Amino acid sequence: MHTPVPPQSRRSSTAIALLVAGAFFMENLDGTVITTAIPQMAVSFGVAPIELNIGVSAYLLTLGVFIPISGWVADRFGPRRVFAAAIIVFTLASLLCGLAQSLTEFVLLRILQGVGGALMVPVGRFVVLRTTPKERLISAIAMLTWPALVAPILGPPVGGFITTYATWRWIFYLNLPLGMIGLVAALILIPGDRAAVSRPFDWPGFVFCGGALFTLLWTAEALGQPDVDWSVAALTAGAGLLLLGLGLRHLARAAHPLVDLSAVSLPTFSVAVRGGSAFRAAIGAVPFLLPLMFQLGFGLDAFQAGLLMMAVFAGNLLMKPATVPVLKRFGFRRVLLINSLINAASLAACALFTPQTPTAVIATILFLGGLTRSMQFTALNTIAFADVPAERMSGANTLFSTAFQIAMGLGVALGAIAIRLAEWGADLAGLGQVPAVSYRGAFLVIALVSLFSVYDCLRLPKDAGDHLSAKATK
């Protein structure tokens, strides 16, 4: 627990949300930005390009392991200290990543960078939730949503541009000025607080939850590889699910759990986590599937595929100004239901693409998909905390961040599995020679997965979140 935080002015709470969104963007971008720089990095380290995949995996796996402790750390040392320290760790690790001379050094530094990111993201969200009045929560969450949508799309082309016109090391050096600005802004903007009596650290919870997240995310990474060993993946997935089950059992019984599960009893929170996770996993597969379909299925080059992906980015940005008015006008439940259907339709429409489909048609559908994803992310991320009391916000935020990381991490695995299922179905139907049939069929699979969120949203009360959108009009 912490000393009470007084309500912030509109300008102050907006500035804090922008600061945290910027930190989120920096953290999310570093998850994918090195993918196009891998060949040049392999030459620098004297290794095969495939070996650099561990640099991506180590970062994402570290996020999964350390996110569950973020709530305890913030409660123990105070959000401002932890958020500022996380920026320092992340920025310093970025500098050292750029200076790395071997693959071993680089992987160890990516792990350190992941520790900073694991604390920066959930603690930053917690700061926004604490300092933003309820009537401005929709706008604040909308700001925090765009990094998760935009960074996976911008990461590869940004990394490719830097690698082509400079050197891969500048991918990490560019975090230095951003980190320094963020640190100064954090110390100025985020209210000072002091930690009260802290609960003891839950070591069994950390072992179970950290082990489960590590194993499940490792499995997701492995499933995204072309030479996946399905028996090993099944074994690690089973181990991860077992650890997750043991972890949930422990958290439900522990006197001082690492992650407080009590928020699950709130319908708005449980829907945002359960159905929202299906939606996030489906959307997490899109940046994986689209470039593969455009390049391997349609024969486009990387630049052409990147330009088409920018249509999704444009939809994300254009929806931001309309998000609050739409939610105020129609309410959360109606928006989530209708938007889920439109989103699933936009995903399914990608299955109709062929190499002969006009570029304008493809861009229009991707743009529409960008609009719906932006709206859905903001609505889900806001409704999750609509009914959470202040004293339970830290635990709810940690649980939400953990579920978010799992869902987005499983997106690539879902995309890989969807391709395999589509290949199997196409062979059975005698359609194996149809151009890009496996990628097109994969979009039908992820569209079906995303529809689970529709069923979940039906369980929301009709007035869910109305106190947020009603106050937003005042």
Protein backbone atom coordinates (compact mmCIF):
# COMPACT_ATOMS: atom_id res chain seq x y z
CA MET A 1 0.00 0.00 0.00
CA HIS A 2 0.97 3.61 -0.49
CA THR A 3 0.06 6.98 0.84
CA PRO A 4 -2.95 8.39 -1.06
CA VAL A 5 -2.19 10.17 -4.30
CA PRO A 6 -4.14 13.40 -4.81
CA PRO A 7 -6.08 13.79 -8.07
CA GLN A 8 -3.95 15.20 -10.87
CA SER A 9 -4.87 18.11 -13.09
CA ARG A 10 -5.96 17.31 -16.64
CA ARG A 11 -2.64 18.58 -18.02
CA SER A 12 -0.58 16.65 -15.46
CA SER A 13 -2.41 13.34 -15.89
CA THR A 14 -2.17 13.67 -19.69
CA ALA A 15 1.57 14.34 -19.45
CA ILE A 16 2.05 11.26 -17.27
CA ALA A 17 0.07 9.11 -19.70
CA LEU A 18 2.17 10.39 -22.62
CA LEU A 19 5.37 9.68 -20.70
CA VAL A 20 4.32 6.12 -19.94
CA ALA A 21 3.10 5.60 -23.53
CA GLY A 22 6.52 6.71 -24.79
CA ALA A 23 8.22 4.25 -22.45
CA PHE A 24 5.86 1.52 -23.63
CA PHE A 25 6.66 2.30 -27.25
CA MET A 26 10.40 2.12 -26.59
CA GLU A 27 9.97 -1.21 -24.81
CA ASN A 28 7.60 -2.74 -27.40
CA LEU A 29 9.72 -1.56 -30.33
CA ASP A 30 12.80 -3.30 -28.97
CA GLY A 31 10.93 -6.59 -28.99
CA THR A 32 10.82 -6.72 -32.82
CA VAL A 33 13.15 -4.03 -34.16
CA ILE A 34 16.19 -6.32 -34.46
CA THR A 35 14.48 -8.89 -36.69
CA THR A 36 15.55 -7.20 -39.94
CA ALA A 37 19.03 -6.44 -38.53
CA ILE A 38 19.82 -10.10 -37.78
CA PRO A 39 21.98 -10.74 -40.91
CA GLN A 40 24.25 -7.75 -40.20
CA MET A 41 24.44 -8.62 -36.49
CA ALA A 42 25.39 -12.20 -37.36
CA VAL A 43 28.32 -10.92 -39.41
CA SER A 44 29.45 -8.71 -36.50
CA PHE A 45 29.34 -11.59 -34.03
CA GLY A 46 30.70 -14.20 -36.44
CA VAL A 47 27.73 -16.56 -36.09
CA ALA A 48 24.99 -17.94 -38.31
CA PRO A 49 21.91 -15.67 -38.61
CA ILE A 50 19.62 -18.34 -37.12
CA GLU A 51 21.59 -18.14 -33.86
CA LEU A 52 20.49 -14.52 -33.39
CA ASN A 53 16.91 -15.65 -32.76
CA ILE A 54 17.94 -16.19 -29.16
CA GLY A 55 18.44 -12.42 -28.90
CA VAL A 56 14.74 -11.90 -29.60
CA SER A 57 13.65 -14.83 -27.46
CA ALA A 58 15.78 -13.91 -24.44
CA TYR A 59 14.20 -10.46 -24.28
CA LEU A 60 10.61 -11.71 -24.55
CA LEU A 61 11.16 -14.58 -22.10
CA THR A 62 12.66 -12.24 -19.52
CA LEU A 63 9.60 -10.03 -19.77
CA GLY A 64 7.41 -13.03 -19.01
CA VAL A 65 9.42 -14.13 -15.98
CA PHE A 66 9.72 -10.76 -14.26
CA ILE A 67 6.36 -9.10 -14.99
CA PRO A 68 4.65 -11.01 -12.13
CA ILE A 69 6.97 -9.43 -9.52
CA SER A 70 6.26 -5.88 -10.71
CA GLY A 71 3.34 -5.35 -8.32
CA TRP A 72 5.34 -6.46 -5.29
CA VAL A 73 8.32 -4.30 -6.28
CA ALA A 74 6.10 -1.25 -6.81
CA ASP A 75 4.40 -1.80 -3.45
CA ARG A 76 7.73 -2.25 -1.71
CA PHE A 77 9.74 0.62 -3.15
CA GLY A 78 7.13 2.98 -4.63
CA PRO A 79 6.07 3.34 -8.28
CA ARG A 80 8.11 6.46 -9.02
CA ARG A 81 11.37 4.91 -7.84
CA VAL A 82 10.70 1.64 -9.64
CA PHE A 83 9.61 3.27 -12.90
CA ALA A 84 12.65 5.58 -12.90
CA ALA A 85 14.97 2.68 -12.05
CA ALA A 86 13.42 0.58 -14.82
CA ILE A 87 14.12 3.34 -17.36
CA ILE A 88 17.74 3.52 -16.15
CA VAL A 89 18.22 -0.25 -16.43
CA PHE A 90 16.56 -0.40 -19.84
CA THR A 91 18.56 2.54 -21.21
CA LEU A 92 21.90 1.35 -19.81
CA ALA A 93 21.27 -2.15 -21.17
CA SER A 94 20.47 -0.60 -24.57
CA LEU A 95 23.84 1.18 -24.61
CA LEU A 96 25.65 -2.02 -23.66
CA CYS A 97 23.72 -4.02 -26.29
CA GLY A 98 25.01 -1.61 -28.92
CA LEU A 99 28.57 -2.12 -27.64
CA ALA A 100 28.35 -5.93 -27.44
CA GLN A 101 31.15 -7.78 -29.22
CA SER A 102 29.86 -11.35 -29.01
CA LEU A 103 26.58 -13.21 -29.11
CA THR A 104 26.95 -14.30 -25.48
CA GLU A 105 27.41 -10.70 -24.34
CA PHE A 106 24.47 -9.59 -26.41
CA VAL A 107 22.10 -12.25 -25.04
CA LEU A 108 23.04 -11.47 -21.43
CA LEU A 109 22.46 -7.77 -22.03
CA ARG A 110 19.13 -8.45 -23.72
CA ILE A 111 18.11 -10.29 -20.55
CA LEU A 112 19.09 -7.22 -18.52
CA GLN A 113 17.11 -5.05 -20.94
CA GLY A 114 14.14 -7.39 -20.48
CA VAL A 115 14.29 -6.93 -16.70
CA GLY A 116 13.99 -3.18 -17.18
CA GLY A 117 11.13 -3.60 -19.63
CA ALA A 118 9.31 -6.06 -17.35
CA LEU A 119 9.16 -3.44 -14.60
CA MET A 120 8.69 -0.41 -16.85
CA VAL A 121 5.47 -1.58 -18.54
CA PRO A 122 3.21 -2.73 -15.66
CA VAL A 123 4.50 -0.17 -13.17
CA GLY A 124 4.00 2.58 -15.74
CA ARG A 125 0.41 1.46 -16.30
CA PHE A 126 -0.12 1.38 -12.52
CA VAL A 127 1.12 4.97 -12.25
CA VAL A 128 -1.42 6.05 -14.87
CA LEU A 129 -4.24 4.17 -13.15
CA ARG A 130 -3.38 5.80 -9.81
CA THR A 131 -3.02 9.35 -11.07
CA THR A 132 -5.83 9.52 -13.64
CA PRO A 133 -9.38 10.34 -12.45
CA LYS A 134 -12.01 7.85 -13.61
CA GLU A 135 -13.62 10.36 -15.95
CA ARG A 136 -10.39 10.62 -17.96
CA LEU A 137 -9.45 6.95 -17.84
CA ILE A 138 -10.65 6.15 -21.39
CA SER A 139 -8.43 8.83 -22.91
CA ALA A 140 -5.44 7.79 -20.80
CA ILE A 141 -5.77 4.10 -21.69
CA ALA A 142 -6.15 5.03 -25.36
CA MET A 143 -2.70 6.64 -25.16
CA LEU A 144 -1.23 3.52 -23.58
CA THR A 145 -2.77 1.25 -26.21
CA TRP A 146 -1.10 2.51 -29.36
CA PRO A 147 2.46 1.30 -28.54
CA ALA A 148 1.33 -2.35 -28.43
CA LEU A 149 -0.45 -1.90 -31.78
CA VAL A 150 2.09 0.22 -33.60
CA ALA A 151 5.48 -1.06 -32.39
CA PRO A 152 5.20 -4.61 -33.85
CA ILE A 153 4.34 -3.07 -37.24
CA LEU A 154 6.99 -0.33 -37.21
CA GLY A 155 9.75 -2.44 -35.62
CA PRO A 156 10.94 -4.41 -38.68
CA PRO A 157 10.94 -1.49 -41.18
CA VAL A 158 12.61 0.84 -38.66
CA GLY A 159 15.27 -1.77 -37.94
CA GLY A 160 15.77 -2.35 -41.66
CA PHE A 161 16.14 1.38 -42.35
CA ILE A 162 18.71 1.87 -39.59
CA THR A 163 20.64 -1.23 -40.62
CA THR A 164 20.69 -0.19 -44.29
CA TYR A 165 21.77 3.43 -43.79
CA ALA A 166 23.83 3.20 -40.60
CA THR A 167 24.65 0.15 -38.47
CA TRP A 168 22.58 -2.19 -36.34
CA ARG A 169 24.19 -0.72 -33.21
CA TRP A 170 22.23 2.50 -33.69
CA ILE A 171 19.04 0.55 -33.07
CA PHE A 172 20.09 0.50 -29.43
CA TYR A 173 21.95 3.82 -29.27
CA LEU A 174 18.76 5.67 -30.20
CA ASN A 175 17.27 4.58 -26.87
CA LEU A 176 19.82 6.70 -24.99
CA PRO A 177 18.32 10.18 -25.60
CA LEU A 178 14.81 8.76 -25.27
CA GLY A 179 15.70 7.11 -21.97
CA MET A 180 17.34 10.24 -20.59
CA ILE A 181 14.32 12.37 -21.50
CA GLY A 182 12.00 9.78 -20.00
CA LEU A 183 13.97 9.62 -16.76
CA VAL A 184 13.92 13.39 -16.25
CA ALA A 185 10.21 13.51 -17.10
CA ALA A 186 9.46 10.67 -14.66
CA LEU A 187 11.22 12.39 -11.79
CA ILE A 188 9.35 15.64 -12.50
CA LEU A 189 5.87 14.37 -13.38
CA ILE A 190 5.24 11.24 -11.32
CA PRO A 191 4.08 12.10 -7.78
CA GLY A 192 6.45 11.16 -4.97
CA ASP A 193 5.30 8.36 -2.76
CA ARG A 194 6.64 6.24 0.00
CA ALA A 195 6.21 2.54 0.52
CA ALA A 196 4.19 1.48 3.53
CA VAL A 197 4.58 -1.86 5.29
CA SER A 198 5.21 -4.37 2.50
CA ARG A 199 3.95 -7.90 2.27
CA PRO A 200 6.63 -10.63 2.21
CA PHE A 201 7.88 -11.80 -1.14
CA ASP A 202 6.05 -14.89 -2.38
CA TRP A 203 8.86 -17.17 -3.52
CA PRO A 204 6.67 -20.19 -4.38
CA GLY A 205 4.40 -17.91 -6.40
CA PHE A 206 7.40 -16.51 -8.26
CA VAL A 207 8.75 -19.98 -9.07
CA PHE A 208 5.38 -21.27 -10.27
CA CYS A 209 4.28 -18.14 -12.18
CA GLY A 210 7.71 -17.26 -13.56
CA GLY A 211 8.32 -20.86 -14.59
CA ALA A 212 4.91 -21.12 -16.24
CA LEU A 213 5.36 -17.90 -18.19
CA PHE A 214 8.90 -18.77 -19.25
CA THR A 215 7.86 -22.24 -20.43
CA LEU A 216 4.71 -21.13 -22.24
CA LEU A 217 6.42 -18.20 -23.98
CA TRP A 218 9.38 -20.42 -24.91
CA THR A 219 6.91 -22.83 -26.47
CA ALA A 220 5.29 -19.95 -28.36
CA GLU A 221 8.70 -18.89 -29.70
CA ALA A 222 9.54 -22.47 -30.69
CA LEU A 223 6.24 -22.92 -32.54
CA GLY A 224 7.05 -19.85 -34.60
CA GLN A 225 10.17 -21.53 -36.03
CA PRO A 226 10.03 -23.48 -39.31
CA ASP A 227 11.97 -26.45 -37.87
CA VAL A 228 9.85 -26.85 -34.74
CA ASP A 229 10.07 -30.16 -32.88
CA TRP A 230 6.41 -30.81 -32.14
CA SER A 231 7.08 -33.45 -29.48
CA VAL A 232 9.34 -31.12 -27.51
CA ALA A 233 6.86 -28.25 -27.94
CA ALA A 234 4.03 -30.43 -26.64
CA LEU A 235 6.14 -31.47 -23.65
CA THR A 236 7.09 -27.89 -22.73
CA ALA A 237 3.52 -26.67 -23.26
CA GLY A 238 2.28 -29.37 -20.90
CA ALA A 239 4.91 -28.44 -18.33
CA GLY A 240 3.93 -24.79 -18.63
CA LEU A 241 0.25 -25.52 -18.15
CA LEU A 242 1.04 -27.71 -15.14
CA LEU A 243 3.12 -24.94 -13.56
CA LEU A 244 0.37 -22.45 -14.34
CA GLY A 245 -2.22 -24.65 -12.64
CA LEU A 246 -0.01 -25.08 -9.58
CA GLY A 247 0.64 -21.35 -9.55
CA LEU A 248 -3.04 -20.44 -9.68
CA ARG A 249 -3.79 -22.94 -6.91
CA HIS A 250 -1.03 -21.44 -4.76
CA LEU A 251 -2.08 -17.84 -5.43
CA ALA A 252 -5.66 -18.64 -4.45
CA ARG A 253 -4.54 -20.04 -1.09
CA ALA A 254 -1.49 -17.95 -0.13
CA ALA A 255 -1.80 -15.34 2.63
CA HIS A 256 0.39 -12.89 0.68
CA PRO A 257 0.24 -13.99 -2.99
CA LEU A 258 2.67 -12.58 -5.53
CA VAL A 259 -0.32 -11.78 -7.77
CA ASP A 260 -3.71 -10.97 -6.26
CA LEU A 261 -6.43 -12.93 -8.09
CA SER A 262 -9.37 -11.23 -6.38
CA ALA A 263 -10.07 -8.95 -9.36
CA VAL A 264 -11.12 -12.01 -11.37
CA SER A 265 -14.41 -11.95 -9.45
CA LEU A 266 -15.29 -8.67 -11.19
CA PRO A 267 -17.17 -9.35 -14.47
CA THR A 268 -15.59 -6.42 -16.29
CA PHE A 269 -12.07 -7.49 -15.33
CA SER A 270 -12.56 -11.19 -16.07
CA VAL A 271 -14.05 -10.49 -19.51
CA ALA A 272 -11.16 -8.18 -20.40
CA VAL A 273 -8.64 -10.83 -19.38
CA ARG A 274 -10.34 -14.01 -20.66
CA GLY A 275 -12.04 -12.99 -23.91
CA GLY A 276 -9.56 -10.15 -24.31
CA SER A 277 -6.69 -12.64 -24.29
CA ALA A 278 -8.22 -14.55 -27.21
CA PHE A 279 -8.55 -11.29 -29.12
CA ARG A 280 -4.96 -10.23 -28.31
CA ALA A 281 -3.55 -13.60 -29.35
CA ALA A 282 -5.39 -13.40 -32.68
CA ILE A 283 -4.15 -9.85 -33.29
CA GLY A 284 -0.64 -10.84 -32.21
CA ALA A 285 -0.59 -13.33 -35.09
CA VAL A 286 -1.28 -10.67 -37.74
CA PRO A 287 2.23 -9.06 -37.89
CA PHE A 288 3.58 -12.61 -38.28
CA LEU A 289 1.13 -13.82 -40.95
CA LEU A 290 0.78 -10.79 -43.21
CA PRO A 291 4.47 -10.34 -44.16
CA LEU A 292 4.78 -14.09 -44.80
CA MET A 293 1.71 -14.11 -47.06
CA PHE A 294 2.78 -11.00 -48.96
CA GLN A 295 6.38 -12.07 -49.48
CA LEU A 296 6.31 -15.89 -49.66
CA GLY A 297 2.77 -16.27 -50.97
CA PHE A 298 2.39 -13.27 -53.29
CA GLY A 299 6.04 -12.67 -54.22
CA LEU A 300 6.27 -9.08 -52.96
CA ASP A 301 9.57 -7.75 -51.67
CA ALA A 302 10.07 -6.67 -48.06
CA PHE A 303 9.58 -2.98 -48.86
CA GLN A 304 6.28 -3.57 -50.68
CA ALA A 305 5.04 -5.78 -47.83
CA GLY A 306 6.05 -3.10 -45.32
CA LEU A 307 4.12 -0.43 -47.20
CA LEU A 308 0.96 -2.55 -47.10
CA MET A 309 1.43 -3.10 -43.37
CA MET A 310 1.42 0.67 -42.92
CA ALA A 311 -2.30 0.61 -43.78
CA VAL A 312 -2.88 -1.14 -40.43
CA PHE A 313 -0.80 1.55 -38.74
CA ALA A 314 -2.86 4.29 -40.40
CA GLY A 315 -6.09 2.71 -39.14
CA ASN A 316 -4.70 2.52 -35.61
CA LEU A 317 -3.82 6.20 -35.60
CA LEU A 318 -7.02 7.46 -37.20
CA MET A 319 -9.22 5.67 -34.66
CA LYS A 320 -7.54 7.31 -31.66
CA PRO A 321 -9.43 10.66 -31.81
CA ALA A 322 -12.75 8.84 -32.30
CA THR A 323 -12.35 6.30 -29.50
CA VAL A 324 -13.68 8.38 -26.62
CA PRO A 325 -16.70 9.83 -28.51
CA VAL A 326 -17.70 6.37 -29.79
CA LEU A 327 -17.52 4.80 -26.33
CA LYS A 328 -19.47 7.70 -24.83
CA ARG A 329 -22.15 7.45 -27.50
CA PHE A 330 -22.70 3.68 -27.62
CA GLY A 331 -21.25 2.27 -24.39
CA PHE A 332 -18.65 -0.42 -23.79
CA ARG A 333 -20.78 -3.54 -24.21
CA ARG A 334 -22.27 -2.56 -27.58
CA VAL A 335 -18.93 -1.32 -28.92
CA LEU A 336 -17.09 -4.46 -27.82
CA LEU A 337 -19.71 -6.75 -29.37
CA ILE A 338 -20.09 -5.01 -32.72
CA ASN A 339 -16.41 -4.18 -33.02
CA SER A 340 -15.48 -7.82 -32.31
CA LEU A 341 -17.64 -8.95 -35.22
CA ILE A 342 -16.18 -6.34 -37.58
CA ASN A 343 -12.66 -7.27 -36.49
CA ALA A 344 -13.29 -10.98 -37.10
CA ALA A 345 -14.76 -10.13 -40.53
CA SER A 346 -11.66 -8.05 -41.42
CA LEU A 347 -9.41 -10.96 -40.45
CA ALA A 348 -11.50 -13.43 -42.45
CA ALA A 349 -11.44 -11.06 -45.43
CA CYS A 350 -7.66 -11.46 -45.58
CA ALA A 351 -8.30 -15.07 -46.60
CA LEU A 352 -9.81 -13.73 -49.84
CA PHE A 353 -6.59 -11.97 -50.89
CA THR A 354 -4.83 -13.33 -53.96
CA PRO A 355 -1.75 -12.14 -55.86
CA GLN A 356 -4.19 -10.48 -58.28
CA THR A 357 -6.18 -8.58 -55.65
CA PRO A 358 -5.83 -4.81 -56.27
CA THR A 359 -3.51 -3.09 -53.82
CA ALA A 360 -6.21 -0.55 -52.99
CA VAL A 361 -8.57 -3.33 -51.88
CA ILE A 362 -5.93 -4.95 -49.67
CA ALA A 363 -4.97 -1.61 -48.13
CA THR A 364 -8.62 -0.74 -47.45
CA ILE A 365 -9.30 -4.01 -45.61
CA LEU A 366 -6.09 -3.70 -43.60
CA PHE A 367 -7.00 -0.11 -42.77
CA LEU A 368 -10.42 -1.22 -41.53
CA GLY A 369 -8.73 -3.90 -39.44
CA GLY A 370 -6.46 -1.26 -37.93
CA LEU A 371 -9.48 0.82 -36.94
CA THR A 372 -11.22 -2.07 -35.18
CA ARG A 373 -8.10 -3.31 -33.37
CA SER A 374 -7.35 0.10 -31.98
CA MET A 375 -10.90 0.50 -30.68
CA GLN A 376 -11.01 -3.00 -29.21
CA PHE A 377 -7.66 -2.71 -27.44
CA THR A 378 -8.64 0.59 -25.84
CA ALA A 379 -12.10 -0.61 -24.80
CA LEU A 380 -10.79 -3.85 -23.29
CA ASN A 381 -7.85 -2.21 -21.52
CA THR A 382 -10.16 0.42 -20.01
CA ILE A 383 -13.08 -1.80 -18.96
CA ALA A 384 -10.61 -4.08 -17.19
CA PHE A 385 -10.04 -1.48 -14.46
CA ALA A 386 -13.45 0.18 -14.48
CA ASP A 387 -14.67 -1.53 -11.30
CA VAL A 388 -11.38 -2.32 -9.54
CA PRO A 389 -11.15 -0.58 -6.13
CA ALA A 390 -8.05 1.53 -5.52
CA GLU A 391 -6.71 -0.84 -2.86
CA ARG A 392 -6.80 -3.77 -5.33
CA MET A 393 -5.43 -1.87 -8.32
CA SER A 394 -1.82 -3.01 -7.91
CA GLY A 395 -2.71 -6.72 -7.92
CA ALA A 396 -5.21 -6.31 -10.77
CA ASN A 397 -2.65 -4.44 -12.85
CA THR A 398 -0.01 -7.14 -12.32
CA LEU A 399 -2.46 -9.90 -13.25
CA PHE A 400 -3.62 -7.98 -16.32
CA SER A 401 -0.03 -7.31 -17.46
CA THR A 402 0.84 -10.99 -17.03
CA ALA A 403 -2.17 -12.14 -19.06
CA PHE A 404 -1.43 -9.50 -21.70
CA GLN A 405 2.17 -10.71 -22.10
CA ILE A 406 1.09 -14.35 -22.41
CA ALA A 407 -1.58 -13.53 -25.00
CA MET A 408 0.66 -11.40 -27.19
CA GLY A 409 3.49 -13.91 -26.87
CA LEU A 410 1.20 -16.72 -27.96
CA GLY A 411 0.19 -14.74 -31.05
CA VAL A 412 3.14 -15.99 -33.13
CA ALA A 413 2.48 -19.55 -31.96
CA LEU A 414 -1.16 -19.20 -32.94
CA GLY A 415 -0.12 -17.96 -36.38
CA ALA A 416 2.27 -20.89 -36.88
CA ILE A 417 -0.34 -23.41 -35.75
CA ALA A 418 -2.96 -21.77 -37.98
CA ILE A 419 -0.66 -22.18 -41.00
CA ARG A 420 -0.19 -25.88 -40.21
CA LEU A 421 -3.95 -26.39 -39.81
CA ALA A 422 -4.63 -24.56 -43.07
CA GLU A 423 -2.06 -26.68 -44.90
CA TRP A 424 -3.67 -29.84 -43.56
CA GLY A 425 -7.16 -28.67 -44.52
CA ALA A 426 -6.05 -27.60 -47.99
CA ASP A 427 -4.45 -30.99 -48.65
CA LEU A 428 -7.63 -32.79 -47.56
CA ALA A 429 -9.70 -30.58 -49.87
CA GLY A 430 -7.29 -30.95 -52.77
CA LEU A 431 -6.44 -27.24 -52.74
CA GLY A 432 -2.74 -27.57 -52.01
CA GLN A 433 -1.76 -25.84 -55.28
CA VAL A 434 -3.83 -22.70 -54.65
CA PRO A 435 -1.46 -19.70 -54.25
CA ALA A 436 -0.72 -18.82 -50.61
CA VAL A 437 -3.50 -21.18 -49.48
CA SER A 438 -1.86 -21.95 -46.13
CA TYR A 439 -1.54 -18.27 -45.18
CA ARG A 440 -5.01 -17.40 -46.41
CA GLY A 441 -6.52 -20.30 -44.49
CA ALA A 442 -4.60 -19.25 -41.38
CA PHE A 443 -6.56 -16.00 -41.32
CA LEU A 444 -9.80 -17.98 -41.11
CA VAL A 445 -8.41 -19.82 -38.08
CA ILE A 446 -7.40 -16.67 -36.20
CA ALA A 447 -10.71 -15.02 -37.12
CA LEU A 448 -12.50 -17.90 -35.38
CA VAL A 449 -10.24 -17.54 -32.34
CA SER A 450 -10.99 -13.83 -32.12
CA LEU A 451 -14.72 -14.58 -32.09
CA PHE A 452 -14.38 -16.08 -28.63
CA SER A 453 -14.26 -12.53 -27.32
CA VAL A 454 -17.77 -12.00 -28.74
CA TYR A 455 -19.15 -14.81 -26.59
CA ASP A 456 -17.35 -13.40 -23.57
CA CYS A 457 -18.62 -9.86 -24.13
CA LEU A 458 -22.21 -11.14 -24.15
CA ARG A 459 -21.76 -11.83 -20.44
CA LEU A 460 -21.07 -8.17 -19.69
CA PRO A 461 -23.85 -6.21 -17.99
CA LYS A 462 -25.52 -3.77 -20.37
CA ASP A 463 -24.34 -0.83 -18.28
CA ALA A 464 -20.74 -2.06 -17.92
CA GLY A 465 -18.37 0.90 -17.79
CA ASP A 466 -21.16 3.45 -18.19
CA HIS A 467 -19.86 5.38 -15.18
CA LEU A 468 -16.64 5.98 -17.12
CA SER A 469 -18.21 7.11 -20.37
CA ALA A 470 -20.91 9.14 -18.58
CA LYS A 471 -18.38 11.05 -16.52
CA ALA A 472 -16.31 11.63 -19.62
CA THR A 473 -19.01 13.91 -20.90
CA LYS A 474 -18.76 16.28 -17.97
